[in-house]
């Protein structure tokens, strides 16, 4: 099974916090009020953040 992790397009992120609210592992935080940042150690790749993002700037990519 391929494991995936969330990745935020930080240039496009508007730091609305929608992803933070839906993350079941508290793996996402807002960095200095500028953009969302994912803790890859906590992210389980569930995709809830990507579905919730109104700007569609979160993707799931293959974990390295």
Protein backbone atom coordinates (compact mmCIF):
# COMPACT_ATOMS: atom_id res chain seq x y z
CA UNK A 1 0.00 0.00 0.00
CA UNK A 2 1.31 3.44 -0.93
CA UNK A 3 1.32 5.83 2.00
CA UNK A 4 0.39 9.43 1.32
CA UNK A 5 0.88 12.66 3.22
CA UNK A 6 -0.74 16.05 2.87
CA UNK A 7 1.19 18.87 1.24
CA UNK A 8 0.12 22.51 1.23
CA UNK A 9 0.77 24.83 -1.69
CA UNK A 10 2.12 27.55 0.60
CA UNK A 11 2.23 30.21 -2.11
CA UNK A 12 -1.52 29.89 -2.66
CA UNK A 13 -2.64 29.14 0.93
CA UNK A 14 -4.66 31.93 2.58
CA UNK A 15 -4.30 30.55 6.14
CA UNK A 16 -8.07 30.27 6.66
CA UNK A 17 -7.65 27.37 9.10
CA UNK A 18 -10.32 25.09 7.63
CA UNK A 19 -7.80 22.27 7.33
CA UNK A 20 -6.67 22.69 10.93
CA UNK A 21 -10.25 22.24 12.16
CA UNK A 22 -10.82 18.92 10.36
CA UNK A 23 -7.46 17.21 10.90
CA UNK A 24 -8.06 14.24 13.23
CA UNK A 25 -4.38 14.05 14.22
CA UNK A 26 -3.72 17.77 14.78
CA UNK A 27 -1.02 17.53 12.14
CA UNK A 28 -1.71 20.94 10.60
CA UNK A 29 -0.99 24.36 12.03
CA UNK A 30 -1.01 27.89 10.68
CA UNK A 31 2.54 29.24 10.37
CA UNK A 32 2.81 32.87 11.49
CA UNK A 33 -0.70 33.57 10.16
CA UNK A 34 0.61 33.16 6.61
CA UNK A 35 0.01 29.55 5.50
CA UNK A 36 -0.85 26.07 6.73
CA UNK A 37 1.99 23.72 7.56
CA UNK A 38 1.75 19.91 7.83
CA UNK A 39 3.71 17.88 10.38
CA UNK A 40 4.64 14.86 8.26
CA UNK A 41 5.25 12.79 11.41
CA UNK A 42 1.63 13.22 12.52
CA UNK A 43 -0.14 13.19 9.13
CA UNK A 44 -1.82 9.87 8.27
CA UNK A 45 -2.88 10.89 4.76
CA UNK A 46 -6.63 10.69 5.38
CA UNK A 47 -7.33 13.54 2.94
CA UNK A 48 -9.88 15.38 5.09
CA UNK A 49 -7.85 18.58 4.88
CA UNK A 50 -7.66 18.44 1.07
CA UNK A 51 -11.43 17.96 0.81
CA UNK A 52 -12.11 20.85 3.19
CA UNK A 53 -9.68 23.39 1.70
CA UNK A 54 -11.74 26.12 -0.01
CA UNK A 55 -8.72 27.20 -2.08
CA UNK A 56 -7.91 23.61 -3.18
CA UNK A 57 -4.23 24.05 -2.36
CA UNK A 58 -3.74 20.85 -0.35
CA UNK A 59 -2.79 17.66 -2.16
CA UNK A 60 -1.90 14.17 -1.03
CA UNK A 61 1.44 13.00 -2.29
CA UNK A 62 3.38 9.80 -1.93
CA UNK A 63 5.24 9.72 1.38
CA UNK A 64 9.00 9.60 1.18
